[in-house]
C-alpha atoms as a PDB file:
ATOM      1  CA  MET A   1      17.734 -39.161  35.685  1.00  0.00           C
ATOM      2  CA  LYS A   2      20.494 -41.585  36.704  1.00  0.00           C
ATOM      3  CA  LYS A   3      18.256 -42.853  39.519  1.00  0.00           C
ATOM      4  CA  ILE A   4      15.403 -43.504  37.088  1.00  0.00           C
ATOM      5  CA  LEU A   5      17.679 -45.328  34.639  1.00  0.00           C
ATOM      6  CA  SER A   6      19.123 -47.529  37.379  1.00  0.00           C
ATOM      7  CA  ILE A   7      15.651 -48.412  38.610  1.00  0.00           C
ATOM      8  CA  LEU A   8      14.524 -49.245  35.069  1.00  0.00           C
ATOM      9  CA  MET A   9      17.604 -51.418  34.591  1.00  0.00           C
ATOM     10  CA  MET A  10      16.912 -53.198  37.880  1.00  0.00           C
ATOM     11  CA  LEU A  11      13.283 -53.806  36.927  1.00  0.00           C
ATOM     12  CA  SER A  12      14.238 -55.189  33.537  1.00  0.00           C
ATOM     13  CA  ILE A  13      16.731 -57.560  35.150  1.00  0.00           C
ATOM     14  CA  VAL A  14      14.167 -58.863  37.602  1.00  0.00           C
ATOM     15  CA  ALA A  15      11.453 -59.155  34.967  1.00  0.00           C
ATOM     16  CA  LEU A  16      13.719 -60.748  32.391  1.00  0.00           C
ATOM     17  CA  GLY A  17      15.252 -63.068  34.965  1.00  0.00           C
ATOM     18  CA  ALA A  18      11.870 -64.726  35.248  1.00  0.00           C
ATOM     19  CA  CYS A  19      12.014 -65.384  31.496  1.00  0.00           C
ATOM     20  CA  SER A  20      15.555 -66.672  31.217  1.00  0.00           C
ATOM     21  CA  ASP A  21      16.454 -69.135  28.522  1.00  0.00           C
ATOM     22  CA  ASP A  22      17.344 -72.277  30.457  1.00  0.00           C
ATOM     23  CA  ASP A  23      17.892 -74.199  27.218  1.00  0.00           C
ATOM     24  CA  ASN A  24      20.855 -72.042  26.220  1.00  0.00           C
ATOM     25  CA  ASP A  25      23.952 -74.227  26.034  1.00  0.00           C
ATOM     26  CA  ASN A  26      26.191 -71.205  25.474  1.00  0.00           C
ATOM     27  CA  ASN A  27      27.233 -70.641  29.087  1.00  0.00           C
ATOM     28  CA  PRO A  28      29.775 -67.838  29.417  1.00  0.00           C
ATOM     29  CA  VAL A  29      33.128 -68.342  31.031  1.00  0.00           C
ATOM     30  CA  ILE A  30      33.309 -65.673  33.706  1.00  0.00           C
ATOM     31  CA  SER A  31      36.407 -63.591  34.200  1.00  0.00           C
ATOM     32  CA  GLU A  32      38.645 -63.579  37.252  1.00  0.00           C
ATOM     33  CA  ASN A  33      37.343 -60.057  37.980  1.00  0.00           C
ATOM     34  CA  VAL A  34      33.779 -61.383  38.247  1.00  0.00           C
ATOM     35  CA  LYS A  35      34.901 -64.285  40.436  1.00  0.00           C
ATOM     36  CA  GLU A  36      36.843 -61.936  42.717  1.00  0.00           C
ATOM     37  CA  PHE A  37      33.885 -59.545  42.963  1.00  0.00           C
ATOM     38  CA  ILE A  38      31.517 -62.361  43.910  1.00  0.00           C
ATOM     39  CA  LEU A  39      33.845 -63.763  46.551  1.00  0.00           C
ATOM     40  CA  SER A  40      34.499 -60.326  48.067  1.00  0.00           C
ATOM     41  CA  LYS A  41      30.836 -59.272  48.113  1.00  0.00           C
ATOM     42  CA  TYR A  42      29.511 -62.724  49.024  1.00  0.00           C
ATOM     43  CA  PRO A  43      32.207 -64.455  51.106  1.00  0.00           C
ATOM     44  CA  GLY A  44      32.008 -68.226  50.940  1.00  0.00           C
ATOM     45  CA  ALA A  45      29.732 -68.168  47.890  1.00  0.00           C
ATOM     46  CA  VAL A  46      29.801 -71.147  45.558  1.00  0.00           C
ATOM     47  CA  ILE A  47      29.337 -70.446  41.860  1.00  0.00           C
ATOM     48  CA  ARG A  48      26.759 -72.910  40.566  1.00  0.00           C
ATOM     49  CA  ASP A  49      26.036 -71.828  36.994  1.00  0.00           C
ATOM     50  CA  THR A  50      26.531 -69.080  34.438  1.00  0.00           C
ATOM     51  CA  ASP A  51      24.283 -68.005  31.613  1.00  0.00           C
ATOM     52  CA  TYR A  52      23.597 -65.149  29.233  1.00  0.00           C
ATOM     53  CA  ASP A  53      20.303 -63.492  30.087  1.00  0.00           C
ATOM     54  CA  ARG A  54      19.114 -60.832  27.650  1.00  0.00           C
ATOM     55  CA  GLY A  55      22.592 -59.439  27.071  1.00  0.00           C
ATOM     56  CA  TYR A  56      23.739 -59.706  30.681  1.00  0.00           C
ATOM     57  CA  ILE A  57      25.893 -62.348  32.309  1.00  0.00           C
ATOM     58  CA  GLU A  58      23.935 -64.123  35.036  1.00  0.00           C
ATOM     59  CA  VAL A  59      25.936 -65.984  37.659  1.00  0.00           C
ATOM     60  CA  GLU A  60      23.976 -68.253  39.953  1.00  0.00           C
ATOM     61  CA  ILE A  61      25.588 -68.601  43.360  1.00  0.00           C
ATOM     62  CA  TYR A  62      24.849 -70.374  46.611  1.00  0.00           C
ATOM     63  CA  HIS A  63      25.421 -67.991  49.514  1.00  0.00           C
ATOM     64  CA  ASP A  64      24.038 -67.778  53.052  1.00  0.00           C
ATOM     65  CA  ALA A  65      21.917 -70.895  52.472  1.00  0.00           C
ATOM     66  CA  ARG A  66      20.114 -69.471  49.448  1.00  0.00           C
ATOM     67  CA  ILE A  67      20.391 -69.328  45.681  1.00  0.00           C
ATOM     68  CA  LYS A  68      21.186 -65.833  44.353  1.00  0.00           C
ATOM     69  CA  ASP A  69      21.418 -64.526  40.800  1.00  0.00           C
ATOM     70  CA  VAL A  70      24.207 -62.006  40.276  1.00  0.00           C
ATOM     71  CA  TYR A  71      24.070 -59.930  37.077  1.00  0.00           C
ATOM     72  CA  PHE A  72      26.980 -58.326  35.224  1.00  0.00           C
ATOM     73  CA  THR A  73      27.444 -56.466  31.963  1.00  0.00           C
ATOM     74  CA  THR A  74      29.643 -58.167  29.394  1.00  0.00           C
ATOM     75  CA  GLY A  75      32.299 -55.680  30.597  1.00  0.00           C
ATOM     76  CA  ASP A  76      32.246 -57.275  34.082  1.00  0.00           C
ATOM     77  CA  THR A  77      30.345 -54.433  35.772  1.00  0.00           C
ATOM     78  CA  TRP A  78      28.038 -55.617  38.554  1.00  0.00           C
ATOM     79  CA  ILE A  79      24.455 -54.516  37.948  1.00  0.00           C
ATOM     80  CA  ALA A  80      22.343 -56.302  40.543  1.00  0.00           C
ATOM     81  CA  THR A  81      21.834 -59.343  42.705  1.00  0.00           C
ATOM     82  CA  LYS A  82      18.428 -60.855  43.384  1.00  0.00           C
ATOM     83  CA  TRP A  83      17.024 -63.751  45.324  1.00  0.00           C
ATOM     84  CA  ASP A  84      13.642 -65.142  46.268  1.00  0.00           C
ATOM     85  CA  ILE A  85      12.245 -64.223  49.637  1.00  0.00           C
ATOM     86  CA  SER A  86       9.276 -65.761  51.372  1.00  0.00           C
ATOM     87  CA  THR A  87       6.355 -63.520  52.242  1.00  0.00           C
ATOM     88  CA  ALA A  88       6.842 -64.479  55.881  1.00  0.00           C
ATOM     89  CA  ASP A  89      10.309 -62.898  55.752  1.00  0.00           C
ATOM     90  CA  LEU A  90       9.141 -59.536  54.392  1.00  0.00           C
ATOM     91  CA  PRO A  91       9.760 -56.651  56.801  1.00  0.00           C
ATOM     92  CA  ALA A  92       6.681 -55.440  58.677  1.00  0.00           C
ATOM     93  CA  ALA A  93       6.870 -52.043  56.929  1.00  0.00           C
ATOM     94  CA  VAL A  94       6.688 -53.749  53.507  1.00  0.00           C
ATOM     95  CA  THR A  95       3.710 -55.865  54.558  1.00  0.00           C
ATOM     96  CA  THR A  96       1.942 -52.805  55.980  1.00  0.00           C
ATOM     97  CA  THR A  97       2.488 -50.843  52.756  1.00  0.00           C
ATOM     98  CA  LEU A  98       1.106 -53.721  50.702  1.00  0.00           C
ATOM     99  CA  THR A  99      -1.947 -54.104  52.948  1.00  0.00           C
ATOM    100  CA  GLU A 100      -2.686 -50.369  52.902  1.00  0.00           C
ATOM    101  CA  ASN A 101      -2.087 -49.748  49.180  1.00  0.00           C
ATOM    102  CA  TYR A 102      -3.124 -53.051  47.597  1.00  0.00           C
ATOM    103  CA  PRO A 103      -5.746 -54.574  49.931  1.00  0.00           C
ATOM    104  CA  ASP A 104      -7.434 -56.660  47.213  1.00  0.00           C
ATOM    105  CA  TYR A 105      -4.197 -58.133  45.834  1.00  0.00           C
ATOM    106  CA  ARG A 106      -2.316 -61.218  46.917  1.00  0.00           C
ATOM    107  CA  ILE A 107       1.432 -61.672  46.719  1.00  0.00           C
ATOM    108  CA  GLU A 108       2.358 -63.960  43.857  1.00  0.00           C
ATOM    109  CA  ASP A 109       6.146 -63.697  44.246  1.00  0.00           C
ATOM    110  CA  ALA A 110       8.708 -61.683  46.176  1.00  0.00           C
ATOM    111  CA  ASP A 111      12.382 -61.023  45.457  1.00  0.00           C
ATOM    112  CA  PHE A 112      15.010 -59.010  47.268  1.00  0.00           C
ATOM    113  CA  VAL A 113      17.067 -56.956  44.795  1.00  0.00           C
ATOM    114  CA  VAL A 114      20.365 -55.233  45.540  1.00  0.00           C
ATOM    115  CA  THR A 115      21.904 -52.755  43.106  1.00  0.00           C
ATOM    116  CA  PRO A 116      24.816 -50.366  43.539  1.00  0.00           C
ATOM    117  CA  GLU A 117      22.257 -47.639  44.332  1.00  0.00           C
ATOM    118  CA  ARG A 118      19.652 -49.339  46.540  1.00  0.00           C
ATOM    119  CA  GLU A 119      17.982 -52.375  48.015  1.00  0.00           C
ATOM    120  CA  VAL A 120      14.304 -53.085  47.343  1.00  0.00           C
ATOM    121  CA  TYR A 121      11.719 -55.783  47.657  1.00  0.00           C
ATOM    122  CA  TYR A 122      10.309 -56.499  44.201  1.00  0.00           C
ATOM    123  CA  ILE A 123       6.790 -57.777  44.770  1.00  0.00           C
ATOM    124  CA  GLU A 124       4.565 -59.334  42.124  1.00  0.00           C
ATOM    125  CA  LEU A 125       0.890 -58.984  43.025  1.00  0.00           C
ATOM    126  CA  GLU A 126      -2.240 -60.400  41.490  1.00  0.00           C
ATOM    127  CA  ARG A 127      -5.953 -59.824  41.785  1.00  0.00           C
ATOM    128  CA  GLY A 128      -7.983 -62.140  39.577  1.00  0.00           C
ATOM    129  CA  ASN A 129      -6.622 -61.657  36.056  1.00  0.00           C
ATOM    130  CA  PHE A 130      -4.772 -58.470  36.985  1.00  0.00           C
ATOM    131  CA  GLU A 131      -1.075 -58.484  37.780  1.00  0.00           C
ATOM    132  CA  LYS A 132       1.010 -55.662  39.180  1.00  0.00           C
ATOM    133  CA  SER A 133       4.635 -55.276  40.251  1.00  0.00           C
ATOM    134  CA  VAL A 134       5.812 -52.900  42.937  1.00  0.00           C
ATOM    135  CA  ASN A 135       9.197 -52.009  44.458  1.00  0.00           C
ATOM    136  CA  ILE A 136       9.231 -51.261  48.161  1.00  0.00           C
ATOM    137  CA  THR A 137      12.166 -50.280  50.362  1.00  0.00           C
ATOM    138  CA  ALA A 138      12.649 -51.969  53.742  1.00  0.00           C
ATOM    139  CA  ASP A 139      11.057 -48.985  55.451  1.00  0.00           C
ATOM    140  CA  GLY A 140       7.895 -49.334  53.357  1.00  0.00           C
ATOM    141  CA  GLU A 141       8.445 -46.635  50.735  1.00  0.00           C
ATOM    142  CA  ILE A 142       7.106 -47.447  47.272  1.00  0.00           C
ATOM    143  CA  VAL A 143       9.699 -46.530  44.644  1.00  0.00           C
ATOM    144  CA  THR A 144       9.412 -46.436  40.881  1.00  0.00           C
END
């Protein structure tokens, strides 16, 4: 049950992250605990922006030459980190799984999502007017 709840939380973060309110002028001041967590997990990261996103604190960082969104509860608990990934950088096992299971779909967007429990590729697919999202581990396993 805990696994299912964490996956649902991760999916809601990714989905809601795409709908963030960029016009919100109420940027949170992040705590020292959040800053310390970011710098220990992502050494050399530069904090670029903070925002409230559907009840979570979203901290945008620049780390390893990419923009990453790091999500925390208002109690400073890390929930997830996500960043865009190009389709060319998807592992071969992920590409194979997509080709075998969704041959008529094209990749609309891909993110890499890290939570305390797992790492997955969150892939948004489309076929005509149909859209579908799927989570795939690096070894090609589809997870819900």
